[in-house]
Every structure is written in C-alpha cells, then in structure tokens.
Amino acid sequence: MTLFETEKGKQYRIKGLYVDPGITRRLQALGLNDGTVITVLNRKHQGALIIQVRGTRLALGKYISSGIEVSEEGEGTR
C-alpha cells in the first residue's frame, strides 16, 4: 500500500520510495529510508499528510505520499 492510503494514528514501515530522484534524495536526507518506522499523525483535506519520523514531524502532499510504499507495522515484514 502507499503512504497516501494509510490511516491516522497507525505506524507503518517504509518499503520503498518511488518518486523523482531529487525528491527521493531529499526524503532520505530527512530520514525516510527503507525500513524506517513512521506514524501518521493527521490527514488534511486535499490529501496532505502529517507524519512523524524519528522524532520529527513532516508534511507531505498527495503526489509524494502516493509514491512511498509502506507496510503496516506488525505485519511481520522487517
């Protein structure tokens, strides 16, 4: 599933980043790497998400969140 399809208040593990290379590098610099656990804090209108990653809150738009593949934490894939 993509980060855009996630639910508020749940934790997810990043499986892959499938956006433009420049955006991918920036997200990785912010700590969004394969295997990183994130928490979805809030969902805004028009598809924007507020997430927490390693103690930092980030806002991501629909385009970026649709290009981040995640699995629900606790599904057994680590």
PDB file of N, CA and C in Angstrom:
ATOM      1  N   MET A   1       0.843  -1.171   0.000  1.00  0.00           N
ATOM      2  CA  MET A   1       0.000   0.000   0.000  1.00  0.00           C
ATOM      3  C   MET A   1       0.891   1.237   0.000  1.00  0.00           C
ATOM      4  N   THR A   2       0.324   2.351  -0.400  1.00  0.00           N
ATOM      5  CA  THR A   2       1.097   3.593  -0.397  1.00  0.00           C
ATOM      6  C   THR A   2       0.810   4.374   0.886  1.00  0.00           C
ATOM      7  N   LEU A   3       1.693   5.301   1.190  1.00  0.00           N
ATOM      8  CA  LEU A   3       1.510   6.137   2.377  1.00  0.00           C
ATOM      9  C   LEU A   3       0.210   6.924   2.285  1.00  0.00           C
ATOM     10  N   PHE A   4      -0.197   7.293   1.082  1.00  0.00           N
ATOM     11  CA  PHE A   4      -1.438   8.029   0.886  1.00  0.00           C
ATOM     12  C   PHE A   4      -2.667   7.232   1.337  1.00  0.00           C
ATOM     13  N   GLU A   5      -2.587   5.909   1.304  1.00  0.00           N
ATOM     14  CA  GLU A   5      -3.717   5.038   1.650  1.00  0.00           C
ATOM     15  C   GLU A   5      -3.781   4.679   3.131  1.00  0.00           C
ATOM     16  N   THR A   6      -2.882   5.203   3.935  1.00  0.00           N
ATOM     17  CA  THR A   6      -2.780   4.821   5.341  1.00  0.00           C
ATOM     18  C   THR A   6      -3.839   5.503   6.202  1.00  0.00           C
ATOM     19  N   GLU A   7      -3.912   5.045   7.456  1.00  0.00           N
ATOM     20  CA  GLU A   7      -4.883   5.580   8.404  1.00  0.00           C
ATOM     21  C   GLU A   7      -4.192   6.397   9.485  1.00  0.00           C
ATOM     22  N   LYS A   8      -4.877   7.413   9.939  1.00  0.00           N
ATOM     23  CA  LYS A   8      -4.375   8.281  11.006  1.00  0.00           C
ATOM     24  C   LYS A   8      -4.181   7.484  12.296  1.00  0.00           C
ATOM     25  N   GLY A   9      -3.062   7.741  12.975  1.00  0.00           N
ATOM     26  CA  GLY A   9      -2.791   7.126  14.273  1.00  0.00           C
ATOM     27  C   GLY A   9      -2.072   5.791  14.228  1.00  0.00           C
ATOM     28  N   LYS A  10      -1.816   5.258  13.044  1.00  0.00           N
ATOM     29  CA  LYS A  10      -1.156   3.953  12.939  1.00  0.00           C
ATOM     30  C   LYS A  10       0.307   4.109  12.536  1.00  0.00           C
ATOM     31  N   GLN A  11       1.098   3.064  12.816  1.00  0.00           N
ATOM     32  CA  GLN A  11       2.506   3.048  12.448  1.00  0.00           C
ATOM     33  C   GLN A  11       2.711   2.174  11.219  1.00  0.00           C
ATOM     34  N   TYR A  12       3.655   2.610  10.382  1.00  0.00           N
ATOM     35  CA  TYR A  12       3.963   1.904   9.149  1.00  0.00           C
ATOM     36  C   TYR A  12       5.472   1.858   8.953  1.00  0.00           C
ATOM     37  N   ARG A  13       5.926   0.869   8.200  1.00  0.00           N
ATOM     38  CA  ARG A  13       7.342   0.715   7.873  1.00  0.00           C
ATOM     39  C   ARG A  13       7.513   1.002   6.384  1.00  0.00           C
ATOM     40  N   ILE A  14       8.468   1.839   6.037  1.00  0.00           N
ATOM     41  CA  ILE A  14       8.709   2.200   4.646  1.00  0.00           C
ATOM     42  C   ILE A  14       9.353   1.030   3.909  1.00  0.00           C
ATOM     43  N   LYS A  15       8.782   0.702   2.751  1.00  0.00           N
ATOM     44  CA  LYS A  15       9.309  -0.380   1.921  1.00  0.00           C
ATOM     45  C   LYS A  15      10.049   0.145   0.702  1.00  0.00           C
ATOM     46  N   GLY A  16       9.698   1.338   0.233  1.00  0.00           N
ATOM     47  CA  GLY A  16      10.374   1.888  -0.941  1.00  0.00           C
ATOM     48  C   GLY A  16       9.870   3.276  -1.286  1.00  0.00           C
ATOM     49  N   LEU A  17      10.746   4.054  -1.918  1.00  0.00           N
ATOM     50  CA  LEU A  17      10.408   5.402  -2.377  1.00  0.00           C
ATOM     51  C   LEU A  17      10.377   5.379  -3.898  1.00  0.00           C
ATOM     52  N   TYR A  18       9.243   5.744  -4.485  1.00  0.00           N
ATOM     53  CA  TYR A  18       9.069   5.688  -5.936  1.00  0.00           C
ATOM     54  C   TYR A  18       8.618   7.046  -6.465  1.00  0.00           C
ATOM     55  N   VAL A  19       9.453   8.053  -6.217  1.00  0.00           N
ATOM     56  CA  VAL A  19       9.213   9.407  -6.707  1.00  0.00           C
ATOM     57  C   VAL A  19      10.453   9.861  -7.480  1.00  0.00           C
ATOM     58  N   ASP A  20      10.457  11.090  -7.951  1.00  0.00           N
ATOM     59  CA  ASP A  20      11.601  11.611  -8.703  1.00  0.00           C
ATOM     60  C   ASP A  20      12.893  11.464  -7.898  1.00  0.00           C
ATOM     61  N   PRO A  21      14.026  11.225  -8.573  1.00  0.00           N
ATOM     62  CA  PRO A  21      15.293  11.037  -7.859  1.00  0.00           C
ATOM     63  C   PRO A  21      15.661  12.184  -6.910  1.00  0.00           C
ATOM     64  N   GLY A  22      15.390  13.417  -7.301  1.00  0.00           N
ATOM     65  CA  GLY A  22      15.693  14.554  -6.438  1.00  0.00           C
ATOM     66  C   GLY A  22      14.863  14.537  -5.162  1.00  0.00           C
ATOM     67  N   ILE A  23      13.595  14.188  -5.305  1.00  0.00           N
ATOM     68  CA  ILE A  23      12.708  14.099  -4.141  1.00  0.00           C
ATOM     69  C   ILE A  23      13.112  12.916  -3.270  1.00  0.00           C
ATOM     70  N   THR A  24      13.477  11.813  -3.900  1.00  0.00           N
ATOM     71  CA  THR A  24      13.921  10.639  -3.154  1.00  0.00           C
ATOM     72  C   THR A  24      15.131  10.967  -2.289  1.00  0.00           C
ATOM     73  N   ARG A  25      16.114  11.652  -2.858  1.00  0.00           N
ATOM     74  CA  ARG A  25      17.307  12.031  -2.079  1.00  0.00           C
ATOM     75  C   ARG A  25      16.948  12.931  -0.906  1.00  0.00           C
ATOM     76  N   ARG A  26      16.042  13.873  -1.119  1.00  0.00           N
ATOM     77  CA  ARG A  26      15.633  14.785  -0.042  1.00  0.00           C
ATOM     78  C   ARG A  26      14.898  14.020   1.055  1.00  0.00           C
ATOM     79  N   LEU A  27      14.009  13.118   0.694  1.00  0.00           N
ATOM     80  CA  LEU A  27      13.289  12.327   1.688  1.00  0.00           C
ATOM     81  C   LEU A  27      14.249  11.450   2.485  1.00  0.00           C
ATOM     82  N   GLN A  28      15.232  10.873   1.811  1.00  0.00           N
ATOM     83  CA  GLN A  28      16.219  10.050   2.503  1.00  0.00           C
ATOM     84  C   GLN A  28      17.040  10.895   3.471  1.00  0.00           C
ATOM     85  N   ALA A  29      17.364  12.114   3.087  1.00  0.00           N
ATOM     86  CA  ALA A  29      18.105  13.017   3.968  1.00  0.00           C
ATOM     87  C   ALA A  29      17.281  13.381   5.206  1.00  0.00           C
ATOM     88  N   LEU A  30      15.960  13.366   5.059  1.00  0.00           N
ATOM     89  CA  LEU A  30      15.068  13.656   6.188  1.00  0.00           C
ATOM     90  C   LEU A  30      14.804  12.422   7.050  1.00  0.00           C
ATOM     91  N   GLY A  31      15.351  11.272   6.660  1.00  0.00           N
ATOM     92  CA  GLY A  31      15.199  10.061   7.452  1.00  0.00           C
ATOM     93  C   GLY A  31      14.197   9.059   6.929  1.00  0.00           C
ATOM     94  N   LEU A  32      13.605   9.307   5.781  1.00  0.00           N
ATOM     95  CA  LEU A  32      12.647   8.377   5.198  1.00  0.00           C
ATOM     96  C   LEU A  32      13.391   7.370   4.325  1.00  0.00           C
ATOM     97  N   ASN A  33      13.907   6.330   4.948  1.00  0.00           N
ATOM     98  CA  ASN A  33      14.658   5.286   4.262  1.00  0.00           C
ATOM     99  C   ASN A  33      13.912   3.962   4.390  1.00  0.00           C
ATOM    100  N   ASP A  34      14.269   2.994   3.553  1.00  0.00           N
ATOM    101  CA  ASP A  34      13.662   1.666   3.644  1.00  0.00           C
ATOM    102  C   ASP A  34      13.848   1.120   5.060  1.00  0.00           C
ATOM    103  N   GLY A  35      12.762   0.618   5.636  1.00  0.00           N
ATOM    104  CA  GLY A  35      12.814   0.045   6.975  1.00  0.00           C
ATOM    105  C   GLY A  35      12.488   1.019   8.093  1.00  0.00           C
ATOM    106  N   THR A  36      12.426   2.307   7.806  1.00  0.00           N
ATOM    107  CA  THR A  36      12.123   3.307   8.828  1.00  0.00           C
ATOM    108  C   THR A  36      10.652   3.218   9.227  1.00  0.00           C
ATOM    109  N   VAL A  37      10.387   3.282  10.526  1.00  0.00           N
ATOM    110  CA  VAL A  37       9.015   3.266  11.037  1.00  0.00           C
ATOM    111  C   VAL A  37       8.521   4.700  11.154  1.00  0.00           C
ATOM    112  N   ILE A  38       7.331   4.951  10.627  1.00  0.00           N
ATOM    113  CA  ILE A  38       6.713   6.273  10.707  1.00  0.00           C
ATOM    114  C   ILE A  38       5.335   6.153  11.333  1.00  0.00           C
ATOM    115  N   THR A  39       4.832   7.262  11.856  1.00  0.00           N
ATOM    116  CA  THR A  39       3.484   7.327  12.410  1.00  0.00           C
ATOM    117  C   THR A  39       2.709   8.392  11.654  1.00  0.00           C
ATOM    118  N   VAL A  40       1.500   8.074  11.226  1.00  0.00           N
ATOM    119  CA  VAL A  40       0.636   9.054  10.565  1.00  0.00           C
ATOM    120  C   VAL A  40      -0.087   9.823  11.665  1.00  0.00           C
ATOM    121  N   LEU A  41       0.208  11.107  11.786  1.00  0.00           N
ATOM    122  CA  LEU A  41      -0.371  11.932  12.838  1.00  0.00           C
ATOM    123  C   LEU A  41      -1.691  12.562  12.438  1.00  0.00           C
ATOM    124  N   ASN A  42      -1.800  12.969  11.171  1.00  0.00           N
ATOM    125  CA  ASN A  42      -3.009  13.670  10.747  1.00  0.00           C
ATOM    126  C   ASN A  42      -3.153  13.586   9.238  1.00  0.00           C
ATOM    127  N   ARG A  43      -4.389  13.682   8.788  1.00  0.00           N
ATOM    128  CA  ARG A  43      -4.687  13.728   7.357  1.00  0.00           C
ATOM    129  C   ARG A  43      -5.433  15.029   7.113  1.00  0.00           C
ATOM    130  N   LYS A  44      -4.953  15.816   6.184  1.00  0.00           N
ATOM    131  CA  LYS A  44      -5.576  17.096   5.851  1.00  0.00           C
ATOM    132  C   LYS A  44      -6.440  16.949   4.608  1.00  0.00           C
ATOM    133  N   HIS A  45      -7.233  17.965   4.356  1.00  0.00           N
ATOM    134  CA  HIS A  45      -8.037  17.995   3.135  1.00  0.00           C
ATOM    135  C   HIS A  45      -7.105  18.023   1.928  1.00  0.00           C
ATOM    136  N   GLN A  46      -7.566  17.602   0.813  1.00  0.00           N
ATOM    137  CA  GLN A  46      -6.803  17.559  -0.435  1.00  0.00           C
ATOM    138  C   GLN A  46      -5.664  16.545  -0.408  1.00  0.00           C
ATOM    139  N   GLY A  47      -5.609  15.657   0.588  1.00  0.00           N
ATOM    140  CA  GLY A  47      -4.652  14.567   0.571  1.00  0.00           C
ATOM    141  C   GLY A  47      -3.338  14.757   1.292  1.00  0.00           C
ATOM    142  N   ALA A  48      -3.094  15.914   1.895  1.00  0.00           N
ATOM    143  CA  ALA A  48      -1.835  16.129   2.607  1.00  0.00           C
ATOM    144  C   ALA A  48      -1.810  15.305   3.893  1.00  0.00           C
ATOM    145  N   LEU A  49      -0.624  14.821   4.254  1.00  0.00           N
ATOM    146  CA  LEU A  49      -0.440  14.020   5.465  1.00  0.00           C
ATOM    147  C   LEU A  49       0.583  14.681   6.376  1.00  0.00           C
ATOM    148  N   ILE A  50       0.386  14.550   7.673  1.00  0.00           N
ATOM    149  CA  ILE A  50       1.387  14.931   8.657  1.00  0.00           C
ATOM    150  C   ILE A  50       1.886  13.615   9.251  1.00  0.00           C
ATOM    151  N   ILE A  51       3.203  13.377   9.153  1.00  0.00           N
ATOM    152  CA  ILE A  51       3.776  12.143   9.683  1.00  0.00           C
ATOM    153  C   ILE A  51       4.866  12.473  10.692  1.00  0.00           C
ATOM    154  N   GLN A  52       5.170  11.495  11.527  1.00  0.00           N
ATOM    155  CA  GLN A  52       6.297  11.628  12.444  1.00  0.00           C
ATOM    156  C   GLN A  52       7.309  10.563  12.091  1.00  0.00           C
ATOM    157  N   VAL A  53       8.547  11.008  11.914  1.00  0.00           N
ATOM    158  CA  VAL A  53       9.645  10.099  11.589  1.00  0.00           C
ATOM    159  C   VAL A  53      10.837  10.482  12.450  1.00  0.00           C
ATOM    160  N   ARG A  54      11.290   9.544  13.261  1.00  0.00           N
ATOM    161  CA  ARG A  54      12.452   9.751  14.140  1.00  0.00           C
ATOM    162  C   ARG A  54      12.358  11.041  14.940  1.00  0.00           C
ATOM    163  N   GLY A  55      11.193  11.309  15.512  1.00  0.00           N
ATOM    164  CA  GLY A  55      11.014  12.473  16.378  1.00  0.00           C
ATOM    165  C   GLY A  55      10.721  13.777  15.665  1.00  0.00           C
ATOM    166  N   THR A  56      10.639  13.770  14.351  1.00  0.00           N
ATOM    167  CA  THR A  56      10.384  14.980  13.569  1.00  0.00           C
ATOM    168  C   THR A  56       9.061  14.851  12.830  1.00  0.00           C
ATOM    169  N   ARG A  57       8.303  15.936  12.799  1.00  0.00           N
ATOM    170  CA  ARG A  57       7.044  15.952  12.047  1.00  0.00           C
ATOM    171  C   ARG A  57       7.292  16.497  10.656  1.00  0.00           C
ATOM    172  N   LEU A  58       6.697  15.839   9.670  1.00  0.00           N
ATOM    173  CA  LEU A  58       6.814  16.256   8.278  1.00  0.00           C
ATOM    174  C   LEU A  58       5.437  16.319   7.644  1.00  0.00           C
ATOM    175  N   ALA A  59       5.238  17.272   6.753  1.00  0.00           N
ATOM    176  CA  ALA A  59       4.011  17.356   5.967  1.00  0.00           C
ATOM    177  C   ALA A  59       4.343  16.930   4.542  1.00  0.00           C
ATOM    178  N   LEU A  60       3.551  16.020   4.010  1.00  0.00           N
ATOM    179  CA  LEU A  60       3.763  15.515   2.650  1.00  0.00           C
ATOM    180  C   LEU A  60       2.475  15.667   1.853  1.00  0.00           C
ATOM    181  N   GLY A  61       2.605  16.100   0.624  1.00  0.00           N
ATOM    182  CA  GLY A  61       1.454  16.224  -0.257  1.00  0.00           C
ATOM    183  C   GLY A  61       1.058  14.886  -0.866  1.00  0.00           C
ATOM    184  N   LYS A  62      -0.052  14.916  -1.582  1.00  0.00           N
ATOM    185  CA  LYS A  62      -0.598  13.702  -2.187  1.00  0.00           C
ATOM    186  C   LYS A  62       0.370  13.059  -3.184  1.00  0.00           C
ATOM    187  N   TYR A  63       1.035  13.866  -4.007  1.00  0.00           N
ATOM    188  CA  TYR A  63       1.941  13.323  -5.019  1.00  0.00           C
ATOM    189  C   TYR A  63       3.072  12.521  -4.366  1.00  0.00           C
ATOM    190  N   ILE A  64       3.684  13.088  -3.349  1.00  0.00           N
ATOM    191  CA  ILE A  64       4.806  12.408  -2.696  1.00  0.00           C
ATOM    192  C   ILE A  64       4.321  11.201  -1.901  1.00  0.00           C
ATOM    193  N   SER A  65       3.244  11.365  -1.130  1.00  0.00           N
ATOM    194  CA  SER A  65       2.769  10.250  -0.307  1.00  0.00           C
ATOM    195  C   SER A  65       2.262   9.086  -1.159  1.00  0.00           C
ATOM    196  N   SER A  66       1.831   9.368  -2.373  1.00  0.00           N
ATOM    197  CA  SER A  66       1.393   8.291  -3.279  1.00  0.00           C
ATOM    198  C   SER A  66       2.576   7.508  -3.844  1.00  0.00           C
ATOM    199  N   GLY A  67       3.786   8.061  -3.748  1.00  0.00           N
ATOM    200  CA  GLY A  67       4.971   7.396  -4.262  1.00  0.00           C
ATOM    201  C   GLY A  67       5.814   6.711  -3.199  1.00  0.00           C
ATOM    202  N   ILE A  68       5.279   6.611  -1.980  1.00  0.00           N
ATOM    203  CA  ILE A  68       6.004   5.953  -0.889  1.00  0.00           C
ATOM    204  C   ILE A  68       5.271   4.670  -0.526  1.00  0.00           C
ATOM    205  N   GLU A  69       5.931   3.548  -0.732  1.00  0.00           N
ATOM    206  CA  GLU A  69       5.347   2.234  -0.438  1.00  0.00           C
ATOM    207  C   GLU A  69       5.610   1.888   1.024  1.00  0.00           C
ATOM    208  N   VAL A  70       4.556   1.462   1.745  1.00  0.00           N
ATOM    209  CA  VAL A  70       4.682   1.128   3.166  1.00  0.00           C
ATOM    210  C   VAL A  70       3.969  -0.183   3.467  1.00  0.00           C
ATOM    211  N   SER A  71       4.307  -0.754   4.626  1.00  0.00           N
ATOM    212  CA  SER A  71       3.547  -1.886   5.163  1.00  0.00           C
ATOM    213  C   SER A  71       3.184  -1.535   6.582  1.00  0.00           C
ATOM    214  N   GLU A  72       2.049  -2.046   7.034  1.00  0.00           N
ATOM    215  CA  GLU A  72       1.631  -1.743   8.394  1.00  0.00           C
ATOM    216  C   GLU A  72       2.584  -2.394   9.375  1.00  0.00           C
ATOM    217  N   GLU A  73       3.026  -1.659  10.358  1.00  0.00           N
ATOM    218  CA  GLU A  73       3.963  -2.175  11.361  1.00  0.00           C
ATOM    219  C   GLU A  73       3.284  -3.317  12.102  1.00  0.00           C
ATOM    220  N   GLY A  74       3.995  -4.423  12.228  1.00  0.00           N
ATOM    221  CA  GLY A  74       3.435  -5.582  12.902  1.00  0.00           C
ATOM    222  C   GLY A  74       2.944  -6.652  11.947  1.00  0.00           C
ATOM    223  N   GLU A  75       3.064  -6.419  10.619  1.00  0.00           N
ATOM    224  CA  GLU A  75       2.641  -7.433   9.648  1.00  0.00           C
ATOM    225  C   GLU A  75       3.675  -8.531   9.480  1.00  0.00           C
ATOM    226  N   GLY A  76       4.832  -8.398  10.140  1.00  0.00           N
ATOM    227  CA  GLY A  76       5.833  -9.447  10.058  1.00  0.00           C
ATOM    228  C   GLY A  76       6.952  -9.183   9.081  1.00  0.00           C
ATOM    229  N   THR A  77       6.863  -8.104   8.285  1.00  0.00           N
ATOM    230  CA  THR A  77       7.938  -7.774   7.354  1.00  0.00           C
ATOM    231  C   THR A  77       8.862  -6.762   7.997  1.00  0.00           C
ATOM    232  N   ARG A  78      10.077  -7.166   8.256  1.00  0.00           N
ATOM    233  CA  ARG A  78      11.034  -6.267   8.896  1.00  0.00           C
ATOM    234  C   ARG A  78      12.304  -6.236   8.134  1.00  0.00           C
TER     235      ARG A  78
END
